[in-house]
Amino acid sequence: MCGVTAAIAVIDGKWKTALLWLLESGPQRPGALRRQLPGLSEKVLTQALREMESDGLVHREVHDTLPLKTLYSLTVFGRELSEALGPVSDWGHRRLSRLTDVQSAS
């Protein structure tokens, strides 16, 4: 399998890259993540976070308080992936700018 394909397999889906980006700033509760991503359902958030945890990208920490407090944070592996995606993000911004320029010229 190609390395790029293997990397894309763990971030495949509509929300995983956005979740990586949000978790770069530090641990977050699921409710806070949902509020920052309008349109993301609780079910899809839970599924994405479980997949990311299974892939070793995020760490789930449950505090034994009432009510239960769950925090998600990036693992070292997740941070490495996030850093590796930086140049891809830069390329994407250049592409968006280019598309805007083309539309403005039309």
PDB file of N, CA and C in Angstrom:
ATOM      1  N   MET A   1       0.841  -1.176   0.000  1.00  0.00           N
ATOM      2  CA  MET A   1       0.000   0.000   0.000  1.00  0.00           C
ATOM      3  C   MET A   1       0.891   1.246   0.000  1.00  0.00           C
ATOM      4  N   CYS A   2       0.487   2.225  -0.746  1.00  0.00           N
ATOM      5  CA  CYS A   2       1.181   3.509  -0.809  1.00  0.00           C
ATOM      6  C   CYS A   2       1.065   4.223   0.539  1.00  0.00           C
ATOM      7  N   GLY A   3       2.124   4.877   0.962  1.00  0.00           N
ATOM      8  CA  GLY A   3       2.115   5.603   2.234  1.00  0.00           C
ATOM      9  C   GLY A   3       1.069   6.701   2.296  1.00  0.00           C
ATOM     10  N   VAL A   4       0.873   7.397   1.182  1.00  0.00           N
ATOM     11  CA  VAL A   4      -0.139   8.459   1.142  1.00  0.00           C
ATOM     12  C   VAL A   4      -1.524   7.856   1.340  1.00  0.00           C
ATOM     13  N   THR A   5      -1.778   6.724   0.704  1.00  0.00           N
ATOM     14  CA  THR A   5      -3.066   6.048   0.849  1.00  0.00           C
ATOM     15  C   THR A   5      -3.282   5.627   2.299  1.00  0.00           C
ATOM     16  N   ALA A   6      -2.238   5.117   2.938  1.00  0.00           N
ATOM     17  CA  ALA A   6      -2.333   4.706   4.338  1.00  0.00           C
ATOM     18  C   ALA A   6      -2.630   5.900   5.242  1.00  0.00           C
ATOM     19  N   ALA A   7      -2.027   7.047   4.943  1.00  0.00           N
ATOM     20  CA  ALA A   7      -2.269   8.257   5.742  1.00  0.00           C
ATOM     21  C   ALA A   7      -3.684   8.770   5.530  1.00  0.00           C
ATOM     22  N   ILE A   8      -4.120   8.788   4.294  1.00  0.00           N
ATOM     23  CA  ILE A   8      -5.459   9.298   3.988  1.00  0.00           C
ATOM     24  C   ILE A   8      -6.532   8.390   4.586  1.00  0.00           C
ATOM     25  N   ALA A   9      -6.253   7.118   4.703  1.00  0.00           N
ATOM     26  CA  ALA A   9      -7.228   6.179   5.262  1.00  0.00           C
ATOM     27  C   ALA A   9      -7.615   6.556   6.690  1.00  0.00           C
ATOM     28  N   VAL A  10      -6.686   7.110   7.471  1.00  0.00           N
ATOM     29  CA  VAL A  10      -7.015   7.462   8.860  1.00  0.00           C
ATOM     30  C   VAL A  10      -7.687   8.825   8.983  1.00  0.00           C
ATOM     31  N   ILE A  11      -7.649   9.638   7.942  1.00  0.00           N
ATOM     32  CA  ILE A  11      -8.317  10.943   8.005  1.00  0.00           C
ATOM     33  C   ILE A  11      -9.486  11.015   7.040  1.00  0.00           C
ATOM     34  N   ASP A  12      -9.821   9.859   6.449  1.00  0.00           N
ATOM     35  CA  ASP A  12     -10.925   9.810   5.506  1.00  0.00           C
ATOM     36  C   ASP A  12     -12.227  10.147   6.227  1.00  0.00           C
ATOM     37  N   GLY A  13     -13.055  10.916   5.591  1.00  0.00           N
ATOM     38  CA  GLY A  13     -14.326  11.311   6.172  1.00  0.00           C
ATOM     39  C   GLY A  13     -14.414  12.821   6.254  1.00  0.00           C
ATOM     40  N   LYS A  14     -15.617  13.276   6.461  1.00  0.00           N
ATOM     41  CA  LYS A  14     -15.884  14.711   6.427  1.00  0.00           C
ATOM     42  C   LYS A  14     -15.319  15.470   7.631  1.00  0.00           C
ATOM     43  N   TRP A  15     -15.234  14.835   8.794  1.00  0.00           N
ATOM     44  CA  TRP A  15     -14.970  15.577  10.027  1.00  0.00           C
ATOM     45  C   TRP A  15     -13.601  15.354  10.649  1.00  0.00           C
ATOM     46  N   LYS A  16     -12.888  14.328  10.268  1.00  0.00           N
ATOM     47  CA  LYS A  16     -11.657  13.980  10.993  1.00  0.00           C
ATOM     48  C   LYS A  16     -10.578  15.060  10.903  1.00  0.00           C
ATOM     49  N   THR A  17     -10.391  15.662   9.748  1.00  0.00           N
ATOM     50  CA  THR A  17      -9.360  16.703   9.657  1.00  0.00           C
ATOM     51  C   THR A  17      -9.751  17.916  10.499  1.00  0.00           C
ATOM     52  N   ALA A  18     -11.035  18.252  10.519  1.00  0.00           N
ATOM     53  CA  ALA A  18     -11.494  19.370  11.346  1.00  0.00           C
ATOM     54  C   ALA A  18     -11.296  19.051  12.825  1.00  0.00           C
ATOM     55  N   LEU A  19     -11.557  17.812  13.222  1.00  0.00           N
ATOM     56  CA  LEU A  19     -11.348  17.414  14.620  1.00  0.00           C
ATOM     57  C   LEU A  19      -9.868  17.471  14.984  1.00  0.00           C
ATOM     58  N   LEU A  20      -9.002  17.020  14.086  1.00  0.00           N
ATOM     59  CA  LEU A  20      -7.556  17.123  14.320  1.00  0.00           C
ATOM     60  C   LEU A  20      -7.165  18.579  14.553  1.00  0.00           C
ATOM     61  N   TRP A  21      -7.669  19.444  13.683  1.00  0.00           N
ATOM     62  CA  TRP A  21      -7.350  20.870  13.764  1.00  0.00           C
ATOM     63  C   TRP A  21      -7.809  21.464  15.100  1.00  0.00           C
ATOM     64  N   LEU A  22      -9.026  21.125  15.533  1.00  0.00           N
ATOM     65  CA  LEU A  22      -9.539  21.653  16.797  1.00  0.00           C
ATOM     66  C   LEU A  22      -8.764  21.113  17.995  1.00  0.00           C
ATOM     67  N   LEU A  23      -8.378  19.852  17.930  1.00  0.00           N
ATOM     68  CA  LEU A  23      -7.663  19.248  19.062  1.00  0.00           C
ATOM     69  C   LEU A  23      -6.202  19.701  19.149  1.00  0.00           C
ATOM     70  N   GLU A  24      -5.693  20.341  18.105  1.00  0.00           N
ATOM     71  CA  GLU A  24      -4.329  20.890  18.164  1.00  0.00           C
ATOM     72  C   GLU A  24      -4.193  21.910  19.289  1.00  0.00           C
ATOM     73  N   SER A  25      -5.269  22.604  19.599  1.00  0.00           N
ATOM     74  CA  SER A  25      -5.204  23.654  20.622  1.00  0.00           C
ATOM     75  C   SER A  25      -5.267  23.099  22.040  1.00  0.00           C
ATOM     76  N   GLY A  26      -5.504  21.800  22.187  1.00  0.00           N
ATOM     77  CA  GLY A  26      -5.524  21.195  23.514  1.00  0.00           C
ATOM     78  C   GLY A  26      -6.739  20.318  23.714  1.00  0.00           C
ATOM     79  N   PRO A  27      -6.802  19.643  24.875  1.00  0.00           N
ATOM     80  CA  PRO A  27      -7.908  18.732  25.164  1.00  0.00           C
ATOM     81  C   PRO A  27      -9.259  19.451  25.106  1.00  0.00           C
ATOM     82  N   GLN A  28     -10.249  18.715  24.606  1.00  0.00           N
ATOM     83  CA  GLN A  28     -11.582  19.286  24.491  1.00  0.00           C
ATOM     84  C   GLN A  28     -12.632  18.244  24.832  1.00  0.00           C
ATOM     85  N   ARG A  29     -13.749  18.723  25.350  1.00  0.00           N
ATOM     86  CA  ARG A  29     -14.888  17.855  25.619  1.00  0.00           C
ATOM     87  C   ARG A  29     -15.690  17.676  24.333  1.00  0.00           C
ATOM     88  N   PRO A  30     -16.383  16.541  24.216  1.00  0.00           N
ATOM     89  CA  PRO A  30     -17.167  16.291  22.999  1.00  0.00           C
ATOM     90  C   PRO A  30     -18.182  17.397  22.694  1.00  0.00           C
ATOM     91  N   GLY A  31     -18.843  17.914  23.715  1.00  0.00           N
ATOM     92  CA  GLY A  31     -19.828  18.976  23.499  1.00  0.00           C
ATOM     93  C   GLY A  31     -19.203  20.222  22.899  1.00  0.00           C
ATOM     94  N   ALA A  32     -18.005  20.557  23.348  1.00  0.00           N
ATOM     95  CA  ALA A  32     -17.308  21.731  22.812  1.00  0.00           C
ATOM     96  C   ALA A  32     -16.936  21.508  21.352  1.00  0.00           C
ATOM     97  N   LEU A  33     -16.522  20.295  21.023  1.00  0.00           N
ATOM     98  CA  LEU A  33     -16.190  19.984  19.625  1.00  0.00           C
ATOM     99  C   LEU A  33     -17.429  20.119  18.743  1.00  0.00           C
ATOM    100  N   ARG A  34     -18.557  19.608  19.220  1.00  0.00           N
ATOM    101  CA  ARG A  34     -19.806  19.700  18.432  1.00  0.00           C
ATOM    102  C   ARG A  34     -20.225  21.141  18.212  1.00  0.00           C
ATOM    103  N   ARG A  35     -20.095  21.973  19.238  1.00  0.00           N
ATOM    104  CA  ARG A  35     -20.487  23.388  19.100  1.00  0.00           C
ATOM    105  C   ARG A  35     -19.640  24.116  18.067  1.00  0.00           C
ATOM    106  N   GLN A  36     -18.400  23.687  17.909  1.00  0.00           N
ATOM    107  CA  GLN A  36     -17.501  24.342  16.956  1.00  0.00           C
ATOM    108  C   GLN A  36     -17.654  23.824  15.530  1.00  0.00           C
ATOM    109  N   LEU A  37     -18.408  22.742  15.363  1.00  0.00           N
ATOM    110  CA  LEU A  37     -18.595  22.143  14.038  1.00  0.00           C
ATOM    111  C   LEU A  37     -20.090  21.976  13.758  1.00  0.00           C
ATOM    112  N   PRO A  38     -20.761  23.061  13.385  1.00  0.00           N
ATOM    113  CA  PRO A  38     -22.195  22.964  13.094  1.00  0.00           C
ATOM    114  C   PRO A  38     -22.454  21.905  12.022  1.00  0.00           C
ATOM    115  N   GLY A  39     -23.502  21.130  12.237  1.00  0.00           N
ATOM    116  CA  GLY A  39     -23.842  20.074  11.283  1.00  0.00           C
ATOM    117  C   GLY A  39     -23.309  18.713  11.686  1.00  0.00           C
ATOM    118  N   LEU A  40     -22.427  18.676  12.670  1.00  0.00           N
ATOM    119  CA  LEU A  40     -21.863  17.411  13.143  1.00  0.00           C
ATOM    120  C   LEU A  40     -22.776  16.842  14.224  1.00  0.00           C
ATOM    121  N   SER A  41     -23.344  15.669  13.969  1.00  0.00           N
ATOM    122  CA  SER A  41     -24.233  15.052  14.951  1.00  0.00           C
ATOM    123  C   SER A  41     -23.421  14.360  16.045  1.00  0.00           C
ATOM    124  N   GLU A  42     -24.072  14.127  17.166  1.00  0.00           N
ATOM    125  CA  GLU A  42     -23.404  13.447  18.283  1.00  0.00           C
ATOM    126  C   GLU A  42     -22.972  12.040  17.880  1.00  0.00           C
ATOM    127  N   LYS A  43     -23.827  11.363  17.117  1.00  0.00           N
ATOM    128  CA  LYS A  43     -23.518  10.000  16.671  1.00  0.00           C
ATOM    129  C   LYS A  43     -22.279   9.973  15.781  1.00  0.00           C
ATOM    130  N   VAL A  44     -22.211  10.877  14.815  1.00  0.00           N
ATOM    131  CA  VAL A  44     -21.073  10.916  13.888  1.00  0.00           C
ATOM    132  C   VAL A  44     -19.808  11.353  14.630  1.00  0.00           C
ATOM    133  N   LEU A  45     -19.933  12.302  15.565  1.00  0.00           N
ATOM    134  CA  LEU A  45     -18.782  12.729  16.367  1.00  0.00           C
ATOM    135  C   LEU A  45     -18.226  11.547  17.154  1.00  0.00           C
ATOM    136  N   THR A  46     -19.102  10.826  17.826  1.00  0.00           N
ATOM    137  CA  THR A  46     -18.672   9.674  18.623  1.00  0.00           C
ATOM    138  C   THR A  46     -17.977   8.642  17.752  1.00  0.00           C
ATOM    139  N   GLN A  47     -18.564   8.368  16.589  1.00  0.00           N
ATOM    140  CA  GLN A  47     -17.968   7.387  15.669  1.00  0.00           C
ATOM    141  C   GLN A  47     -16.588   7.847  15.192  1.00  0.00           C
ATOM    142  N   ALA A  48     -16.468   9.115  14.800  1.00  0.00           N
ATOM    143  CA  ALA A  48     -15.183   9.633  14.308  1.00  0.00           C
ATOM    144  C   ALA A  48     -14.128   9.584  15.409  1.00  0.00           C
ATOM    145  N   LEU A  49     -14.493   9.998  16.620  1.00  0.00           N
ATOM    146  CA  LEU A  49     -13.528   9.995  17.723  1.00  0.00           C
ATOM    147  C   LEU A  49     -13.101   8.576  18.087  1.00  0.00           C
ATOM    148  N   ARG A  50     -14.037   7.633  18.043  1.00  0.00           N
ATOM    149  CA  ARG A  50     -13.683   6.224  18.326  1.00  0.00           C
ATOM    150  C   ARG A  50     -12.728   5.683  17.274  1.00  0.00           C
ATOM    151  N   GLU A  51     -12.986   6.007  16.006  1.00  0.00           N
ATOM    152  CA  GLU A  51     -12.085   5.563  14.936  1.00  0.00           C
ATOM    153  C   GLU A  51     -10.705   6.194  15.102  1.00  0.00           C
ATOM    154  N   MET A  52     -10.676   7.479  15.434  1.00  0.00           N
ATOM    155  CA  MET A  52      -9.403   8.170  15.617  1.00  0.00           C
ATOM    156  C   MET A  52      -8.654   7.624  16.828  1.00  0.00           C
ATOM    157  N   GLU A  53      -9.380   7.243  17.865  1.00  0.00           N
ATOM    158  CA  GLU A  53      -8.759   6.621  19.034  1.00  0.00           C
ATOM    159  C   GLU A  53      -8.196   5.253  18.654  1.00  0.00           C
ATOM    160  N   SER A  54      -8.957   4.486  17.902  1.00  0.00           N
ATOM    161  CA  SER A  54      -8.516   3.171  17.441  1.00  0.00           C
ATOM    162  C   SER A  54      -7.268   3.273  16.566  1.00  0.00           C
ATOM    163  N   ASP A  55      -7.183   4.345  15.779  1.00  0.00           N
ATOM    164  CA  ASP A  55      -6.019   4.564  14.905  1.00  0.00           C
ATOM    165  C   ASP A  55      -4.840   5.183  15.648  1.00  0.00           C
ATOM    166  N   GLY A  56      -5.002   5.466  16.933  1.00  0.00           N
ATOM    167  CA  GLY A  56      -3.910   6.005  17.736  1.00  0.00           C
ATOM    168  C   GLY A  56      -3.712   7.510  17.604  1.00  0.00           C
ATOM    169  N   LEU A  57      -4.709   8.213  17.066  1.00  0.00           N
ATOM    170  CA  LEU A  57      -4.576   9.667  16.862  1.00  0.00           C
ATOM    171  C   LEU A  57      -5.021  10.479  18.067  1.00  0.00           C
ATOM    172  N   VAL A  58      -6.029   9.988  18.786  1.00  0.00           N
ATOM    173  CA  VAL A  58      -6.541  10.726  19.940  1.00  0.00           C
ATOM    174  C   VAL A  58      -6.543   9.843  21.176  1.00  0.00           C
ATOM    175  N   HIS A  59      -6.479  10.521  22.299  1.00  0.00           N
ATOM    176  CA  HIS A  59      -6.537   9.867  23.609  1.00  0.00           C
ATOM    177  C   HIS A  59      -7.844  10.286  24.267  1.00  0.00           C
ATOM    178  N   ARG A  60      -8.567   9.322  24.814  1.00  0.00           N
ATOM    179  CA  ARG A  60      -9.822   9.586  25.510  1.00  0.00           C
ATOM    180  C   ARG A  60      -9.583   9.417  27.000  1.00  0.00           C
ATOM    181  N   GLU A  61      -9.925  10.453  27.752  1.00  0.00           N
ATOM    182  CA  GLU A  61      -9.732  10.430  29.197  1.00  0.00           C
ATOM    183  C   GLU A  61     -11.077  10.691  29.864  1.00  0.00           C
ATOM    184  N   VAL A  62     -11.497   9.755  30.712  1.00  0.00           N
ATOM    185  CA  VAL A  62     -12.767   9.894  31.419  1.00  0.00           C
ATOM    186  C   VAL A  62     -12.470  10.166  32.885  1.00  0.00           C
ATOM    187  N   HIS A  63     -13.012  11.277  33.391  1.00  0.00           N
ATOM    188  CA  HIS A  63     -12.851  11.644  34.803  1.00  0.00           C
ATOM    189  C   HIS A  63     -14.062  11.135  35.575  1.00  0.00           C
ATOM    190  N   ASP A  64     -13.806  10.465  36.673  1.00  0.00           N
ATOM    191  CA  ASP A  64     -14.878   9.899  37.492  1.00  0.00           C
ATOM    192  C   ASP A  64     -15.524  10.957  38.372  1.00  0.00           C
ATOM    193  N   THR A  65     -16.259  11.827  37.760  1.00  0.00           N
ATOM    194  CA  THR A  65     -17.006  12.842  38.486  1.00  0.00           C
ATOM    195  C   THR A  65     -18.455  12.727  38.050  1.00  0.00           C
ATOM    196  N   LEU A  66     -19.326  13.343  38.780  1.00  0.00           N
ATOM    197  CA  LEU A  66     -20.723  13.374  38.360  1.00  0.00           C
ATOM    198  C   LEU A  66     -21.066  14.782  37.942  1.00  0.00           C
ATOM    199  N   PRO A  67     -21.512  15.009  36.734  1.00  0.00           N
ATOM    200  CA  PRO A  67     -21.604  14.021  35.658  1.00  0.00           C
ATOM    201  C   PRO A  67     -20.214  13.650  35.148  1.00  0.00           C
ATOM    202  N   LEU A  68     -20.136  12.524  34.439  1.00  0.00           N
ATOM    203  CA  LEU A  68     -18.861  12.082  33.871  1.00  0.00           C
ATOM    204  C   LEU A  68     -18.298  13.162  32.952  1.00  0.00           C
ATOM    205  N   LYS A  69     -17.016  13.341  33.028  1.00  0.00           N
ATOM    206  CA  LYS A  69     -16.347  14.337  32.188  1.00  0.00           C
ATOM    207  C   LYS A  69     -15.361  13.607  31.292  1.00  0.00           C
ATOM    208  N   THR A  70     -15.572  13.713  29.985  1.00  0.00           N
ATOM    209  CA  THR A  70     -14.698  13.064  29.012  1.00  0.00           C
ATOM    210  C   THR A  70     -13.927  14.129  28.253  1.00  0.00           C
ATOM    211  N   LEU A  71     -12.628  13.922  28.132  1.00  0.00           N
ATOM    212  CA  LEU A  71     -11.771  14.827  27.376  1.00  0.00           C
ATOM    213  C   LEU A  71     -11.046  14.046  26.290  1.00  0.00           C
ATOM    214  N   TYR A  72     -10.940  14.680  25.137  1.00  0.00           N
ATOM    215  CA  TYR A  72     -10.177  14.103  24.030  1.00  0.00           C
ATOM    216  C   TYR A  72      -8.984  14.999  23.749  1.00  0.00           C
ATOM    217  N   SER A  73      -7.845  14.376  23.482  1.00  0.00           N
ATOM    218  CA  SER A  73      -6.633  15.124  23.139  1.00  0.00           C
ATOM    219  C   SER A  73      -5.868  14.343  22.082  1.00  0.00           C
ATOM    220  N   LEU A  74      -4.978  15.040  21.406  1.00  0.00           N
ATOM    221  CA  LEU A  74      -4.146  14.381  20.405  1.00  0.00           C
ATOM    222  C   LEU A  74      -3.042  13.586  21.087  1.00  0.00           C
ATOM    223  N   THR A  75      -2.746  12.426  20.536  1.00  0.00           N
ATOM    224  CA  THR A  75      -1.583  11.660  20.972  1.00  0.00           C
ATOM    225  C   THR A  75      -0.362  12.213  20.241  1.00  0.00           C
ATOM    226  N   VAL A  76       0.801  11.723  20.577  1.00  0.00           N
ATOM    227  CA  VAL A  76       2.014  12.114  19.864  1.00  0.00           C
ATOM    228  C   VAL A  76       1.857  11.759  18.382  1.00  0.00           C
ATOM    229  N   PHE A  77       1.306  10.585  18.116  1.00  0.00           N
ATOM    230  CA  PHE A  77       1.079  10.128  16.743  1.00  0.00           C
ATOM    231  C   PHE A  77       0.116  11.065  16.013  1.00  0.00           C
ATOM    232  N   GLY A  78      -0.929  11.509  16.721  1.00  0.00           N
ATOM    233  CA  GLY A  78      -1.889  12.448  16.152  1.00  0.00           C
ATOM    234  C   GLY A  78      -1.264  13.794  15.850  1.00  0.00           C
ATOM    235  N   ARG A  79      -0.387  14.260  16.750  1.00  0.00           N
ATOM    236  CA  ARG A  79       0.309  15.531  16.522  1.00  0.00           C
ATOM    237  C   ARG A  79       1.235  15.431  15.308  1.00  0.00           C
ATOM    238  N   GLU A  80       1.898  14.288  15.164  1.00  0.00           N
ATOM    239  CA  GLU A  80       2.764  14.086  13.998  1.00  0.00           C
ATOM    240  C   GLU A  80       1.960  14.172  12.707  1.00  0.00           C
ATOM    241  N   LEU A  81       0.785  13.553  12.696  1.00  0.00           N
ATOM    242  CA  LEU A  81      -0.069  13.603  11.513  1.00  0.00           C
ATOM    243  C   LEU A  81      -0.522  15.038  11.255  1.00  0.00           C
ATOM    244  N   SER A  82      -0.906  15.733  12.302  1.00  0.00           N
ATOM    245  CA  SER A  82      -1.366  17.113  12.152  1.00  0.00           C
ATOM    246  C   SER A  82      -0.259  17.992  11.565  1.00  0.00           C
ATOM    247  N   GLU A  83       0.956  17.804  12.046  1.00  0.00           N
ATOM    248  CA  GLU A  83       2.088  18.570  11.513  1.00  0.00           C
ATOM    249  C   GLU A  83       2.359  18.203  10.055  1.00  0.00           C
ATOM    250  N   ALA A  84       2.224  16.919   9.729  1.00  0.00           N
ATOM    251  CA  ALA A  84       2.454  16.477   8.353  1.00  0.00           C
ATOM    252  C   ALA A  84       1.409  17.053   7.402  1.00  0.00           C
ATOM    253  N   LEU A  85       0.215  17.326   7.916  1.00  0.00           N
ATOM    254  CA  LEU A  85      -0.855  17.879   7.084  1.00  0.00           C
ATOM    255  C   LEU A  85      -0.701  19.381   6.864  1.00  0.00           C
ATOM    256  N   GLY A  86       0.211  20.039   7.589  1.00  0.00           N
ATOM    257  CA  GLY A  86       0.428  21.483   7.427  1.00  0.00           C
ATOM    258  C   GLY A  86       0.689  21.893   5.989  1.00  0.00           C
ATOM    259  N   PRO A  87       1.643  21.265   5.297  1.00  0.00           N
ATOM    260  CA  PRO A  87       1.879  21.628   3.891  1.00  0.00           C
ATOM    261  C   PRO A  87       0.678  21.349   2.987  1.00  0.00           C
ATOM    262  N   VAL A  88      -0.095  20.311   3.296  1.00  0.00           N
ATOM    263  CA  VAL A  88      -1.291  20.027   2.506  1.00  0.00           C
ATOM    264  C   VAL A  88      -2.309  21.148   2.706  1.00  0.00           C
ATOM    265  N   SER A  89      -2.421  21.622   3.943  1.00  0.00           N
ATOM    266  CA  SER A  89      -3.312  22.747   4.240  1.00  0.00           C
ATOM    267  C   SER A  89      -2.879  23.999   3.486  1.00  0.00           C
ATOM    268  N   ASP A  90      -1.581  24.270   3.482  1.00  0.00           N
ATOM    269  CA  ASP A  90      -1.061  25.436   2.749  1.00  0.00           C
ATOM    270  C   ASP A  90      -1.401  25.330   1.270  1.00  0.00           C
ATOM    271  N   TRP A  91      -1.228  24.143   0.707  1.00  0.00           N
ATOM    272  CA  TRP A  91      -1.553  23.919  -0.693  1.00  0.00           C
ATOM    273  C   TRP A  91      -3.043  24.164  -0.936  1.00  0.00           C
ATOM    274  N   GLY A  92      -3.881  23.684  -0.027  1.00  0.00           N
ATOM    275  CA  GLY A  92      -5.317  23.873  -0.150  1.00  0.00           C
ATOM    276  C   GLY A  92      -5.707  25.345  -0.137  1.00  0.00           C
ATOM    277  N   HIS A  93      -5.064  26.129   0.729  1.00  0.00           N
ATOM    278  CA  HIS A  93      -5.338  27.577   0.765  1.00  0.00           C
ATOM    279  C   HIS A  93      -4.922  28.245  -0.550  1.00  0.00           C
ATOM    280  N   ARG A  94      -3.778  27.828  -1.087  1.00  0.00           N
ATOM    281  CA  ARG A  94      -3.349  28.378  -2.386  1.00  0.00           C
ATOM    282  C   ARG A  94      -4.343  28.008  -3.480  1.00  0.00           C
ATOM    283  N   ARG A  95      -4.853  26.792  -3.438  1.00  0.00           N
ATOM    284  CA  ARG A  95      -5.842  26.356  -4.425  1.00  0.00           C
ATOM    285  C   ARG A  95      -7.114  27.196  -4.317  1.00  0.00           C
ATOM    286  N   LEU A  96      -7.588  27.417  -3.103  1.00  0.00           N
ATOM    287  CA  LEU A  96      -8.795  28.228  -2.910  1.00  0.00           C
ATOM    288  C   LEU A  96      -8.590  29.646  -3.417  1.00  0.00           C
ATOM    289  N   SER A  97      -7.415  30.198  -3.151  1.00  0.00           N
ATOM    290  CA  SER A  97      -7.095  31.538  -3.631  1.00  0.00           C
ATOM    291  C   SER A  97      -7.086  31.572  -5.154  1.00  0.00           C
ATOM    292  N   ARG A  98      -6.506  30.554  -5.740  1.00  0.00           N
ATOM    293  CA  ARG A  98      -6.443  30.454  -7.204  1.00  0.00           C
ATOM    294  C   ARG A  98      -7.850  30.355  -7.806  1.00  0.00           C
ATOM    295  N   LEU A  99      -8.709  29.560  -7.176  1.00  0.00           N
ATOM    296  CA  LEU A  99     -10.084  29.430  -7.658  1.00  0.00           C
ATOM    297  C   LEU A  99     -10.826  30.764  -7.557  1.00  0.00           C
ATOM    298  N   THR A 100     -10.581  31.494  -6.476  1.00  0.00           N
ATOM    299  CA  THR A 100     -11.213  32.802  -6.298  1.00  0.00           C
ATOM    300  C   THR A 100     -10.741  33.755  -7.363  1.00  0.00           C
ATOM    301  N   ASP A 101      -9.430  33.727  -7.675  1.00  0.00           N
ATOM    302  CA  ASP A 101      -8.872  34.590  -8.723  1.00  0.00           C
ATOM    303  C   ASP A 101      -9.495  34.273 -10.078  1.00  0.00           C
ATOM    304  N   VAL A 102      -9.667  32.990 -10.381  1.00  0.00           N
ATOM    305  CA  VAL A 102     -10.242  32.570 -11.655  1.00  0.00           C
ATOM    306  C   VAL A 102     -11.702  33.030 -11.745  1.00  0.00           C
ATOM    307  N   GLN A 103     -12.438  32.900 -10.655  1.00  0.00           N
ATOM    308  CA  GLN A 103     -13.840  33.322 -10.652  1.00  0.00           C
ATOM    309  C   GLN A 103     -13.965  34.829 -10.764  1.00  0.00           C
ATOM    310  N   SER A 104     -13.053  35.562 -10.155  1.00  0.00           N
ATOM    311  CA  SER A 104     -13.071  37.033 -10.233  1.00  0.00           C
ATOM    312  C   SER A 104     -12.773  37.524 -11.649  1.00  0.00           C
ATOM    313  N   ALA A 105     -11.921  36.774 -12.356  1.00  0.00           N
ATOM    314  CA  ALA A 105     -11.544  37.160 -13.724  1.00  0.00           C
ATOM    315  C   ALA A 105     -12.659  36.875 -14.726  1.00  0.00           C
ATOM    316  N   SER A 106     -13.573  35.997 -14.352  1.00  0.00           N
ATOM    317  CA  SER A 106     -14.670  35.621 -15.286  1.00  0.00           C
ATOM    318  C   SER A 106     -15.733  36.685 -15.375  1.00  0.00           C
TER     319      SER A 106
END
